[in-house]
PDB file of N, CA and C in Angstrom:
ATOM      1  N   MET A   1    -192.457-331.875   9.092  1.00  0.00           N
ATOM      2  CA  MET A   1    -193.032-330.554   8.877  1.00  0.00           C
ATOM      3  C   MET A   1    -192.632-329.631  10.032  1.00  0.00           C
ATOM      4  N   ASN A   2    -192.331-328.373   9.696  1.00  0.00           N
ATOM      5  CA  ASN A   2    -191.933-327.407  10.711  1.00  0.00           C
ATOM      6  C   ASN A   2    -193.167-326.891  11.444  1.00  0.00           C
ATOM      7  N   SER A   3    -193.063-326.782  12.760  1.00  0.00           N
ATOM      8  CA  SER A   3    -194.204-326.323  13.535  1.00  0.00           C
ATOM      9  C   SER A   3    -194.162-324.814  13.725  1.00  0.00           C
ATOM     10  N   VAL A   4    -195.333-324.233  13.859  1.00  0.00           N
ATOM     11  CA  VAL A   4    -195.481-322.799  14.073  1.00  0.00           C
ATOM     12  C   VAL A   4    -195.508-322.543  15.574  1.00  0.00           C
ATOM     13  N   VAL A   5    -194.680-321.586  16.023  1.00  0.00           N
ATOM     14  CA  VAL A   5    -194.640-321.192  17.430  1.00  0.00           C
ATOM     15  C   VAL A   5    -195.360-319.849  17.542  1.00  0.00           C
ATOM     16  N   GLU A   6    -196.467-319.840  18.278  1.00  0.00           N
ATOM     17  CA  GLU A   6    -197.258-318.619  18.439  1.00  0.00           C
ATOM     18  C   GLU A   6    -196.622-317.705  19.481  1.00  0.00           C
ATOM     19  N   LYS A   7    -196.647-316.408  19.191  1.00  0.00           N
ATOM     20  CA  LYS A   7    -196.150-315.374  20.094  1.00  0.00           C
ATOM     21  C   LYS A   7    -197.218-314.283  20.167  1.00  0.00           C
ATOM     22  N   PRO A   8    -197.168-313.392  21.172  1.00  0.00           N
ATOM     23  CA  PRO A   8    -198.196-312.339  21.249  1.00  0.00           C
ATOM     24  C   PRO A   8    -198.155-311.378  20.058  1.00  0.00           C
ATOM     25  N   TRP A   9    -197.013-311.233  19.412  1.00  0.00           N
ATOM     26  CA  TRP A   9    -196.851-310.329  18.271  1.00  0.00           C
ATOM     27  C   TRP A   9    -197.090-311.002  16.925  1.00  0.00           C
ATOM     28  N   GLY A  10    -197.223-312.344  16.909  1.00  0.00           N
ATOM     29  CA  GLY A  10    -197.402-313.082  15.665  1.00  0.00           C
ATOM     30  C   GLY A  10    -196.943-314.523  15.853  1.00  0.00           C
ATOM     31  N   SER A  11    -195.998-314.986  15.003  1.00  0.00           N
ATOM     32  CA  SER A  11    -195.517-316.359  15.121  1.00  0.00           C
ATOM     33  C   SER A  11    -194.199-316.519  14.374  1.00  0.00           C
ATOM     34  N   PHE A  12    -193.552-317.677  14.591  1.00  0.00           N
ATOM     35  CA  PHE A  12    -192.379-318.002  13.797  1.00  0.00           C
ATOM     36  C   PHE A  12    -192.340-319.497  13.522  1.00  0.00           C
ATOM     37  N   THR A  13    -191.637-319.845  12.452  1.00  0.00           N
ATOM     38  CA  THR A  13    -191.398-321.224  12.061  1.00  0.00           C
ATOM     39  C   THR A  13    -189.908-321.378  11.797  1.00  0.00           C
ATOM     40  N   ILE A  14    -189.293-322.404  12.354  1.00  0.00           N
ATOM     41  CA  ILE A  14    -187.887-322.680  12.059  1.00  0.00           C
ATOM     42  C   ILE A  14    -187.833-323.402  10.714  1.00  0.00           C
ATOM     43  N   LEU A  15    -187.082-322.826   9.773  1.00  0.00           N
ATOM     44  CA  LEU A  15    -186.982-323.377   8.429  1.00  0.00           C
ATOM     45  C   LEU A  15    -185.792-324.313   8.269  1.00  0.00           C
ATOM     46  N   ASN A  16    -184.673-323.993   8.944  1.00  0.00           N
ATOM     47  CA  ASN A  16    -183.459-324.782   8.785  1.00  0.00           C
ATOM     48  C   ASN A  16    -182.511-324.447   9.930  1.00  0.00           C
ATOM     49  N   SER A  17    -181.600-325.361  10.225  1.00  0.00           N
ATOM     50  CA  SER A  17    -180.595-325.080  11.245  1.00  0.00           C
ATOM     51  C   SER A  17    -179.367-325.957  11.016  1.00  0.00           C
ATOM     52  N   GLY A  18    -178.254-325.489  11.535  1.00  0.00           N
ATOM     53  CA  GLY A  18    -176.986-326.206  11.459  1.00  0.00           C
ATOM     54  C   GLY A  18    -176.200-325.944  12.722  1.00  0.00           C
ATOM     55  N   GLU A  19    -174.921-326.259  12.710  1.00  0.00           N
ATOM     56  CA  GLU A  19    -174.104-326.142  13.920  1.00  0.00           C
ATOM     57  C   GLU A  19    -174.067-324.716  14.464  1.00  0.00           C
ATOM     58  N   ASN A  20    -173.903-323.713  13.592  1.00  0.00           N
ATOM     59  CA  ASN A  20    -173.781-322.329  14.047  1.00  0.00           C
ATOM     60  C   ASN A  20    -174.850-321.398  13.484  1.00  0.00           C
ATOM     61  N   PHE A  21    -175.890-321.956  12.843  1.00  0.00           N
ATOM     62  CA  PHE A  21    -176.914-321.088  12.268  1.00  0.00           C
ATOM     63  C   PHE A  21    -178.309-321.661  12.461  1.00  0.00           C
ATOM     64  N   LEU A  22    -179.290-320.766  12.415  1.00  0.00           N
ATOM     65  CA  LEU A  22    -180.699-321.130  12.487  1.00  0.00           C
ATOM     66  C   LEU A  22    -181.460-320.131  11.624  1.00  0.00           C
ATOM     67  N   VAL A  23    -182.374-320.623  10.795  1.00  0.00           N
ATOM     68  CA  VAL A  23    -183.146-319.758   9.900  1.00  0.00           C
ATOM     69  C   VAL A  23    -184.619-319.872  10.256  1.00  0.00           C
ATOM     70  N   LYS A  24    -185.268-318.708  10.439  1.00  0.00           N
ATOM     71  CA  LYS A  24    -186.683-318.658  10.807  1.00  0.00           C
ATOM     72  C   LYS A  24    -187.470-317.824   9.805  1.00  0.00           C
ATOM     73  N   LYS A  25    -188.728-318.168   9.660  1.00  0.00           N
ATOM     74  CA  LYS A  25    -189.702-317.305   8.995  1.00  0.00           C
ATOM     75  C   LYS A  25    -190.522-316.692  10.123  1.00  0.00           C
ATOM     76  N   ILE A  26    -190.501-315.363  10.198  1.00  0.00           N
ATOM     77  CA  ILE A  26    -191.196-314.651  11.271  1.00  0.00           C
ATOM     78  C   ILE A  26    -192.389-313.898  10.681  1.00  0.00           C
ATOM     79  N   TYR A  27    -193.561-314.107  11.277  1.00  0.00           N
ATOM     80  CA  TYR A  27    -194.772-313.371  10.904  1.00  0.00           C
ATOM     81  C   TYR A  27    -195.083-312.396  12.027  1.00  0.00           C
ATOM     82  N   VAL A  28    -195.179-311.103  11.683  1.00  0.00           N
ATOM     83  CA  VAL A  28    -195.539-310.079  12.667  1.00  0.00           C
ATOM     84  C   VAL A  28    -196.876-309.492  12.221  1.00  0.00           C
ATOM     85  N   LYS A  29    -197.889-309.678  13.060  1.00  0.00           N
ATOM     86  CA  LYS A  29    -199.226-309.188  12.714  1.00  0.00           C
ATOM     87  C   LYS A  29    -199.258-307.667  12.730  1.00  0.00           C
ATOM     88  N   PRO A  30    -200.218-307.065  12.042  1.00  0.00           N
ATOM     89  CA  PRO A  30    -200.334-305.602  12.095  1.00  0.00           C
ATOM     90  C   PRO A  30    -200.412-305.124  13.552  1.00  0.00           C
ATOM     91  N   GLY A  31    -199.585-304.146  13.900  1.00  0.00           N
ATOM     92  CA  GLY A  31    -199.527-303.637  15.264  1.00  0.00           C
ATOM     93  C   GLY A  31    -198.616-304.430  16.181  1.00  0.00           C
ATOM     94  N   GLY A  32    -198.056-305.538  15.704  1.00  0.00           N
ATOM     95  CA  GLY A  32    -197.187-306.378  16.526  1.00  0.00           C
ATOM     96  C   GLY A  32    -195.826-305.732  16.749  1.00  0.00           C
ATOM     97  N   VAL A  33    -195.305-305.893  17.969  1.00  0.00           N
ATOM     98  CA  VAL A  33    -194.014-305.310  18.342  1.00  0.00           C
ATOM     99  C   VAL A  33    -193.217-306.350  19.118  1.00  0.00           C
ATOM    100  N   LEU A  34    -192.043-306.695  18.612  1.00  0.00           N
ATOM    101  CA  LEU A  34    -191.170-307.595  19.361  1.00  0.00           C
ATOM    102  C   LEU A  34    -190.497-306.800  20.471  1.00  0.00           C
ATOM    103  N   SER A  35    -190.009-307.495  21.494  1.00  0.00           N
ATOM    104  CA  SER A  35    -189.376-306.794  22.612  1.00  0.00           C
ATOM    105  C   SER A  35    -188.079-306.123  22.172  1.00  0.00           C
ATOM    106  N   LEU A  36    -187.735-305.032  22.873  1.00  0.00           N
ATOM    107  CA  LEU A  36    -186.432-304.393  22.702  1.00  0.00           C
ATOM    108  C   LEU A  36    -185.449-305.297  23.428  1.00  0.00           C
ATOM    109  N   GLN A  37    -184.453-305.838  22.704  1.00  0.00           N
ATOM    110  CA  GLN A  37    -183.642-306.910  23.253  1.00  0.00           C
ATOM    111  C   GLN A  37    -182.226-306.887  22.705  1.00  0.00           C
ATOM    112  N   SER A  38    -181.377-307.698  23.314  1.00  0.00           N
ATOM    113  CA  SER A  38    -180.035-307.946  22.785  1.00  0.00           C
ATOM    114  C   SER A  38    -179.698-309.411  23.037  1.00  0.00           C
ATOM    115  N   HIS A  39    -178.632-309.873  22.372  1.00  0.00           N
ATOM    116  CA  HIS A  39    -178.201-311.261  22.492  1.00  0.00           C
ATOM    117  C   HIS A  39    -176.700-311.302  22.741  1.00  0.00           C
ATOM    118  N   LYS A  40    -176.284-312.133  23.663  1.00  0.00           N
ATOM    119  CA  LYS A  40    -174.876-312.257  24.011  1.00  0.00           C
ATOM    120  C   LYS A  40    -174.123-313.200  23.068  1.00  0.00           C
ATOM    121  N   TYR A  41    -174.804-314.227  22.570  1.00  0.00           N
ATOM    122  CA  TYR A  41    -174.124-315.299  21.850  1.00  0.00           C
ATOM    123  C   TYR A  41    -174.384-315.351  20.351  1.00  0.00           C
ATOM    124  N   ARG A  42    -175.251-314.503  19.819  1.00  0.00           N
ATOM    125  CA  ARG A  42    -175.563-314.593  18.394  1.00  0.00           C
ATOM    126  C   ARG A  42    -175.753-313.227  17.755  1.00  0.00           C
ATOM    127  N   SER A  43    -175.472-313.190  16.466  1.00  0.00           N
ATOM    128  CA  SER A  43    -175.834-312.050  15.627  1.00  0.00           C
ATOM    129  C   SER A  43    -177.054-312.482  14.807  1.00  0.00           C
ATOM    130  N   GLU A  44    -177.715-311.516  14.178  1.00  0.00           N
ATOM    131  CA  GLU A  44    -178.900-311.813  13.380  1.00  0.00           C
ATOM    132  C   GLU A  44    -178.860-311.051  12.063  1.00  0.00           C
ATOM    133  N   HIS A  45    -179.439-311.671  11.049  1.00  0.00           N
ATOM    134  CA  HIS A  45    -179.656-311.045   9.744  1.00  0.00           C
ATOM    135  C   HIS A  45    -181.164-311.077   9.506  1.00  0.00           C
ATOM    136  N   TRP A  46    -181.748-309.956   9.128  1.00  0.00           N
ATOM    137  CA  TRP A  46    -183.175-309.891   8.819  1.00  0.00           C
ATOM    138  C   TRP A  46    -183.360-309.480   7.371  1.00  0.00           C
ATOM    139  N   ILE A  47    -184.233-310.185   6.656  1.00  0.00           N
ATOM    140  CA  ILE A  47    -184.622-309.831   5.289  1.00  0.00           C
ATOM    141  C   ILE A  47    -186.135-309.714   5.266  1.00  0.00           C
ATOM    142  N   VAL A  48    -186.642-308.595   4.763  1.00  0.00           N
ATOM    143  CA  VAL A  48    -188.094-308.413   4.662  1.00  0.00           C
ATOM    144  C   VAL A  48    -188.583-309.125   3.401  1.00  0.00           C
ATOM    145  N   ALA A  49    -189.426-310.126   3.581  1.00  0.00           N
ATOM    146  CA  ALA A  49    -190.003-310.867   2.461  1.00  0.00           C
ATOM    147  C   ALA A  49    -191.339-310.258   2.032  1.00  0.00           C
ATOM    148  N   LYS A  50    -192.091-309.716   3.004  1.00  0.00           N
ATOM    149  CA  LYS A  50    -193.394-309.121   2.714  1.00  0.00           C
ATOM    150  C   LYS A  50    -193.675-308.032   3.731  1.00  0.00           C
ATOM    151  N   GLY A  51    -194.165-306.905   3.269  1.00  0.00           N
ATOM    152  CA  GLY A  51    -194.555-305.835   4.179  1.00  0.00           C
ATOM    153  C   GLY A  51    -193.442-304.832   4.414  1.00  0.00           C
ATOM    154  N   GLN A  52    -193.560-304.160   5.547  1.00  0.00           N
ATOM    155  CA  GLN A  52    -192.616-303.102   5.915  1.00  0.00           C
ATOM    156  C   GLN A  52    -192.362-303.189   7.413  1.00  0.00           C
ATOM    157  N   ALA A  53    -191.096-303.183   7.804  1.00  0.00           N
ATOM    158  CA  ALA A  53    -190.713-303.294   9.207  1.00  0.00           C
ATOM    159  C   ALA A  53    -190.150-301.987   9.711  1.00  0.00           C
ATOM    160  N   GLU A  54    -190.566-301.599  10.913  1.00  0.00           N
ATOM    161  CA  GLU A  54    -189.886-300.521  11.614  1.00  0.00           C
ATOM    162  C   GLU A  54    -188.836-301.193  12.492  1.00  0.00           C
ATOM    163  N   VAL A  55    -187.567-300.838  12.278  1.00  0.00           N
ATOM    164  CA  VAL A  55    -186.451-301.501  12.950  1.00  0.00           C
ATOM    165  C   VAL A  55    -185.727-300.496  13.844  1.00  0.00           C
ATOM    166  N   THR A  56    -185.539-300.872  15.090  1.00  0.00           N
ATOM    167  CA  THR A  56    -184.748-300.075  16.027  1.00  0.00           C
ATOM    168  C   THR A  56    -183.420-300.789  16.247  1.00  0.00           C
ATOM    169  N   ILE A  57    -182.327-300.083  15.991  1.00  0.00           N
ATOM    170  CA  ILE A  57    -180.979-300.590  16.258  1.00  0.00           C
ATOM    171  C   ILE A  57    -180.324-299.546  17.158  1.00  0.00           C
ATOM    172  N   ASN A  58    -180.031-299.963  18.409  1.00  0.00           N
ATOM    173  CA  ASN A  58    -179.584-299.028  19.438  1.00  0.00           C
ATOM    174  C   ASN A  58    -180.600-297.894  19.510  1.00  0.00           C
ATOM    175  N   ASN A  59    -180.261-296.652  19.230  1.00  0.00           N
ATOM    176  CA  ASN A  59    -181.247-295.566  19.310  1.00  0.00           C
ATOM    177  C   ASN A  59    -181.725-295.098  17.943  1.00  0.00           C
ATOM    178  N   ASN A  60    -181.357-295.822  16.873  1.00  0.00           N
ATOM    179  CA  ASN A  60    -181.735-295.413  15.519  1.00  0.00           C
ATOM    180  C   ASN A  60    -182.917-296.223  15.020  1.00  0.00           C
ATOM    181  N   ILE A  61    -183.926-295.531  14.491  1.00  0.00           N
ATOM    182  CA  ILE A  61    -185.103-296.182  13.932  1.00  0.00           C
ATOM    183  C   ILE A  61    -185.071-296.011  12.420  1.00  0.00           C
ATOM    184  N   SER A  62    -185.272-297.124  11.707  1.00  0.00           N
ATOM    185  CA  SER A  62    -185.322-297.063  10.252  1.00  0.00           C
ATOM    186  C   SER A  62    -186.458-297.951   9.751  1.00  0.00           C
ATOM    187  N   ILE A  63    -186.792-297.780   8.489  1.00  0.00           N
ATOM    188  CA  ILE A  63    -187.839-298.564   7.843  1.00  0.00           C
ATOM    189  C   ILE A  63    -187.177-299.502   6.840  1.00  0.00           C
ATOM    190  N   LEU A  64    -187.521-300.786   6.936  1.00  0.00           N
ATOM    191  CA  LEU A  64    -187.066-301.775   5.964  1.00  0.00           C
ATOM    192  C   LEU A  64    -188.263-302.197   5.125  1.00  0.00           C
ATOM    193  N   LYS A  65    -188.111-302.141   3.821  1.00  0.00           N
ATOM    194  CA  LYS A  65    -189.174-302.547   2.904  1.00  0.00           C
ATOM    195  C   LYS A  65    -188.837-303.901   2.300  1.00  0.00           C
ATOM    196  N   GLU A  66    -189.777-304.433   1.520  1.00  0.00           N
ATOM    197  CA  GLU A  66    -189.584-305.738   0.901  1.00  0.00           C
ATOM    198  C   GLU A  66    -188.256-305.797   0.146  1.00  0.00           C
ATOM    199  N   ASN A  67    -187.558-306.913   0.304  1.00  0.00           N
ATOM    200  CA  ASN A  67    -186.282-307.202  -0.333  1.00  0.00           C
ATOM    201  C   ASN A  67    -185.122-306.388   0.249  1.00  0.00           C
ATOM    202  N   GLU A  68    -185.327-305.724   1.371  1.00  0.00           N
ATOM    203  CA  GLU A  68    -184.240-305.031   2.063  1.00  0.00           C
ATOM    204  C   GLU A  68    -183.837-305.860   3.274  1.00  0.00           C
ATOM    205  N   ASN A  69    -182.605-305.639   3.745  1.00  0.00           N
ATOM    206  CA  ASN A  69    -182.092-306.442   4.854  1.00  0.00           C
ATOM    207  C   ASN A  69    -181.253-305.597   5.796  1.00  0.00           C
ATOM    208  N   ILE A  70    -180.985-306.182   6.974  1.00  0.00           N
ATOM    209  CA  ILE A  70    -180.162-305.501   7.968  1.00  0.00           C
ATOM    210  C   ILE A  70    -179.418-306.555   8.783  1.00  0.00           C
ATOM    211  N   PHE A  71    -178.243-306.186   9.264  1.00  0.00           N
ATOM    212  CA  PHE A  71    -177.419-307.053  10.110  1.00  0.00           C
ATOM    213  C   PHE A  71    -177.426-306.502  11.520  1.00  0.00           C
ATOM    214  N   ILE A  72    -177.647-307.368  12.512  1.00  0.00           N
ATOM    215  CA  ILE A  72    -177.653-306.974  13.916  1.00  0.00           C
ATOM    216  C   ILE A  72    -176.507-307.727  14.611  1.00  0.00           C
ATOM    217  N   PRO A  73    -175.398-307.032  14.923  1.00  0.00           N
ATOM    218  CA  PRO A  73    -174.272-307.698  15.595  1.00  0.00           C
ATOM    219  C   PRO A  73    -174.630-308.139  17.016  1.00  0.00           C
ATOM    220  N   LYS A  74    -173.912-309.133  17.540  1.00  0.00           N
ATOM    221  CA  LYS A  74    -174.083-309.564  18.944  1.00  0.00           C
ATOM    222  C   LYS A  74    -174.008-308.352  19.859  1.00  0.00           C
ATOM    223  N   GLY A  75    -174.843-308.344  20.897  1.00  0.00           N
ATOM    224  CA  GLY A  75    -174.795-307.284  21.895  1.00  0.00           C
ATOM    225  C   GLY A  75    -175.542-306.022  21.515  1.00  0.00           C
ATOM    226  N   THR A  76    -176.021-305.916  20.280  1.00  0.00           N
ATOM    227  CA  THR A  76    -176.730-304.722  19.817  1.00  0.00           C
ATOM    228  C   THR A  76    -178.176-304.746  20.317  1.00  0.00           C
ATOM    229  N   ILE A  77    -178.628-303.629  20.863  1.00  0.00           N
ATOM    230  CA  ILE A  77    -180.020-303.515  21.303  1.00  0.00           C
ATOM    231  C   ILE A  77    -180.880-303.267  20.069  1.00  0.00           C
ATOM    232  N   HIS A  78    -181.917-304.098  19.890  1.00  0.00           N
ATOM    233  CA  HIS A  78    -182.711-304.035  18.671  1.00  0.00           C
ATOM    234  C   HIS A  78    -184.168-304.449  18.906  1.00  0.00           C
ATOM    235  N   ARG A  79    -184.995-304.081  17.927  1.00  0.00           N
ATOM    236  CA  ARG A  79    -186.417-304.434  17.953  1.00  0.00           C
ATOM    237  C   ARG A  79    -186.966-304.306  16.539  1.00  0.00           C
ATOM    238  N   MET A  80    -188.000-305.076  16.246  1.00  0.00           N
ATOM    239  CA  MET A  80    -188.743-304.903  14.997  1.00  0.00           C
ATOM    240  C   MET A  80    -190.207-304.784  15.337  1.00  0.00           C
ATOM    241  N   SER A  81    -190.918-303.986  14.541  1.00  0.00           N
ATOM    242  CA  SER A  81    -192.358-303.852  14.744  1.00  0.00           C
ATOM    243  C   SER A  81    -193.041-303.654  13.401  1.00  0.00           C
ATOM    244  N   ASN A  82    -194.332-303.934  13.394  1.00  0.00           N
ATOM    245  CA  ASN A  82    -195.158-303.779  12.206  1.00  0.00           C
ATOM    246  C   ASN A  82    -196.181-302.694  12.485  1.00  0.00           C
ATOM    247  N   LYS A  83    -195.902-301.495  12.025  1.00  0.00           N
ATOM    248  CA  LYS A  83    -196.798-300.355  12.238  1.00  0.00           C
ATOM    249  C   LYS A  83    -197.844-300.244  11.121  1.00  0.00           C
ATOM    250  N   GLU A  84    -197.780-301.164  10.164  1.00  0.00           N
ATOM    251  CA  GLU A  84    -198.666-301.115   8.999  1.00  0.00           C
ATOM    252  C   GLU A  84    -199.935-301.932   9.239  1.00  0.00           C
ATOM    253  N   SER A  85    -200.888-301.827   8.296  1.00  0.00           N
ATOM    254  CA  SER A  85    -202.135-302.595   8.400  1.00  0.00           C
ATOM    255  C   SER A  85    -202.035-303.932   7.669  1.00  0.00           C
ATOM    256  N   ASP A  86    -200.902-304.189   7.003  1.00  0.00           N
ATOM    257  CA  ASP A  86    -200.672-305.455   6.308  1.00  0.00           C
ATOM    258  C   ASP A  86    -199.698-306.321   7.099  1.00  0.00           C
ATOM    259  N   ASP A  87    -199.689-307.616   6.794  1.00  0.00           N
ATOM    260  CA  ASP A  87    -198.783-308.552   7.445  1.00  0.00           C
ATOM    261  C   ASP A  87    -197.329-308.225   7.130  1.00  0.00           C
ATOM    262  N   LEU A  88    -196.447-308.596   8.045  1.00  0.00           N
ATOM    263  CA  LEU A  88    -195.007-308.473   7.869  1.00  0.00           C
ATOM    264  C   LEU A  88    -194.407-309.868   7.960  1.00  0.00           C
ATOM    265  N   ILE A  89    -193.609-310.235   6.961  1.00  0.00           N
ATOM    266  CA  ILE A  89    -192.903-311.511   6.997  1.00  0.00           C
ATOM    267  C   ILE A  89    -191.414-311.226   6.843  1.00  0.00           C
ATOM    268  N   ILE A  90    -190.646-311.734   7.799  1.00  0.00           N
ATOM    269  CA  ILE A  90    -189.200-311.558   7.844  1.00  0.00           C
ATOM    270  C   ILE A  90    -188.553-312.944   7.776  1.00  0.00           C
ATOM    271  N   ILE A  91    -187.491-313.055   7.007  1.00  0.00           N
ATOM    272  CA  ILE A  91    -186.628-314.231   7.095  1.00  0.00           C
ATOM    273  C   ILE A  91    -185.453-313.802   7.977  1.00  0.00           C
ATOM    274  N   GLU A  92    -185.261-314.531   9.061  1.00  0.00           N
ATOM    275  CA  GLU A  92    -184.245-314.190  10.052  1.00  0.00           C
ATOM    276  C   GLU A  92    -183.226-315.319  10.141  1.00  0.00           C
ATOM    277  N   MET A  93    -181.948-314.969  10.098  1.00  0.00           N
ATOM    278  CA  MET A  93    -180.908-315.968  10.309  1.00  0.00           C
ATOM    279  C   MET A  93    -180.103-315.596  11.549  1.00  0.00           C
ATOM    280  N   TRP A  94    -180.019-316.545  12.467  1.00  0.00           N
ATOM    281  CA  TRP A  94    -179.159-316.399  13.626  1.00  0.00           C
ATOM    282  C   TRP A  94    -177.821-317.031  13.292  1.00  0.00           C
ATOM    283  N   TYR A  95    -176.746-316.420  13.769  1.00  0.00           N
ATOM    284  CA  TYR A  95    -175.427-317.019  13.623  1.00  0.00           C
ATOM    285  C   TYR A  95    -174.671-316.840  14.934  1.00  0.00           C
ATOM    286  N   GLY A  96    -174.148-317.925  15.487  1.00  0.00           N
ATOM    287  CA  GLY A  96    -173.400-317.796  16.723  1.00  0.00           C
ATOM    288  C   GLY A  96    -173.115-319.117  17.379  1.00  0.00           C
ATOM    289  N   GLU A  97    -172.550-319.029  18.567  1.00  0.00           N
ATOM    290  CA  GLU A  97    -172.122-320.222  19.288  1.00  0.00           C
ATOM    291  C   GLU A  97    -173.230-320.846  20.117  1.00  0.00           C
ATOM    292  N   ARG A  98    -174.288-320.082  20.416  1.00  0.00           N
ATOM    293  CA  ARG A  98    -175.429-320.601  21.182  1.00  0.00           C
ATOM    294  C   ARG A  98    -176.690-320.063  20.533  1.00  0.00           C
ATOM    295  N   LEU A  99    -177.547-320.977  20.093  1.00  0.00           N
ATOM    296  CA  LEU A  99    -178.726-320.586  19.309  1.00  0.00           C
ATOM    297  C   LEU A  99    -179.991-321.083  19.983  1.00  0.00           C
ATOM    298  N   ASP A 100    -180.443-320.358  20.999  1.00  0.00           N
ATOM    299  CA  ASP A 100    -181.692-320.739  21.654  1.00  0.00           C
ATOM    300  C   ASP A 100    -182.426-319.496  22.145  1.00  0.00           C
ATOM    301  N   GLU A 101    -183.691-319.691  22.472  1.00  0.00           N
ATOM    302  CA  GLU A 101    -184.555-318.588  22.896  1.00  0.00           C
ATOM    303  C   GLU A 101    -184.146-317.994  24.247  1.00  0.00           C
ATOM    304  N   ASN A 102    -183.272-318.672  24.994  1.00  0.00           N
ATOM    305  CA  ASN A 102    -182.833-318.152  26.296  1.00  0.00           C
ATOM    306  C   ASN A 102    -181.777-317.070  26.181  1.00  0.00           C
ATOM    307  N   ASP A 103    -181.213-316.890  24.986  1.00  0.00           N
ATOM    308  CA  ASP A 103    -180.194-315.847  24.779  1.00  0.00           C
ATOM    309  C   ASP A 103    -180.881-314.527  24.424  1.00  0.00           C
ATOM    310  N   ILE A 104    -181.767-314.093  25.314  1.00  0.00           N
ATOM    311  CA  ILE A 104    -182.477-312.817  25.117  1.00  0.00           C
ATOM    312  C   ILE A 104    -182.387-312.017  26.404  1.00  0.00           C
ATOM    313  N   LYS A 105    -181.878-310.804  26.292  1.00  0.00           N
ATOM    314  CA  LYS A 105    -181.946-309.843  27.392  1.00  0.00           C
ATOM    315  C   LYS A 105    -182.962-308.795  26.948  1.00  0.00           C
ATOM    316  N   ARG A 106    -184.090-308.715  27.654  1.00  0.00           N
ATOM    317  CA  ARG A 106    -185.157-307.777  27.291  1.00  0.00           C
ATOM    318  C   ARG A 106    -185.005-306.468  28.054  1.00  0.00           C
ATOM    319  N   TYR A 107    -185.189-305.362  27.339  1.00  0.00           N
ATOM    320  CA  TYR A 107    -185.144-304.020  27.926  1.00  0.00           C
ATOM    321  C   TYR A 107    -186.543-303.420  28.022  1.00  0.00           C
ATOM    322  N   GLU A 108    -187.385-303.708  27.025  1.00  0.00           N
ATOM    323  CA  GLU A 108    -188.783-303.269  27.021  1.00  0.00           C
ATOM    324  C   GLU A 108    -189.601-304.338  26.328  1.00  0.00           C
ATOM    325  N   ASP A 109    -190.836-304.535  26.795  1.00  0.00           N
ATOM    326  CA  ASP A 109    -191.729-305.487  26.155  1.00  0.00           C
ATOM    327  C   ASP A 109    -193.163-305.060  26.424  1.00  0.00           C
ATOM    328  N   ILE A 110    -193.911-304.728  25.369  1.00  0.00           N
ATOM    329  CA  ILE A 110    -195.289-304.270  25.577  1.00  0.00           C
ATOM    330  C   ILE A 110    -196.196-305.392  26.076  1.00  0.00           C
ATOM    331  N   TYR A 111    -195.741-306.643  25.940  1.00  0.00           N
ATOM    332  CA  TYR A 111    -196.520-307.799  26.403  1.00  0.00           C
ATOM    333  C   TYR A 111    -196.089-308.230  27.814  1.00  0.00           C
ATOM    334  N   GLU A 112    -195.189-307.467  28.425  1.00  0.00           N
ATOM    335  CA  GLU A 112    -194.739-307.645  29.804  1.00  0.00           C
ATOM    336  C   GLU A 112    -194.125-309.021  30.072  1.00  0.00           C
ATOM    337  N   ARG A 113    -193.395-309.548  29.093  1.00  0.00           N
ATOM    338  CA  ARG A 113    -192.629-310.775  29.310  1.00  0.00           C
ATOM    339  C   ARG A 113    -191.294-310.404  29.958  1.00  0.00           C
ATOM    340  N   VAL A 114    -190.693-311.346  30.662  1.00  0.00           N
ATOM    341  CA  VAL A 114    -189.373-311.090  31.275  1.00  0.00           C
ATOM    342  C   VAL A 114    -188.284-311.825  30.550  1.00  0.00           C
TER     343      VAL A 114
END
């Protein structure tokens, strides 16, 4: 069984992984905001399964609704947040040569993580 990893903004569960990919189910609680970040070794694909996500890519902010998706290339500064009163569920796929939580460069974090 896949374990749930709690975060200040919600939680995630790893659903599947292979040599160059990792798939997560991400839950973002109402008001939850992930850090503004980039990755050196991986790109990401996000699909909204439930709710509505506010997505920042570089300096552009857009809204992703259910069944919509976005691609985040390596090195791109990005963030997702849930500004709604309902839960947000994202299916996220990482693709790259190094797939771990240490490949995060944070620029802003409301939870003051480094």
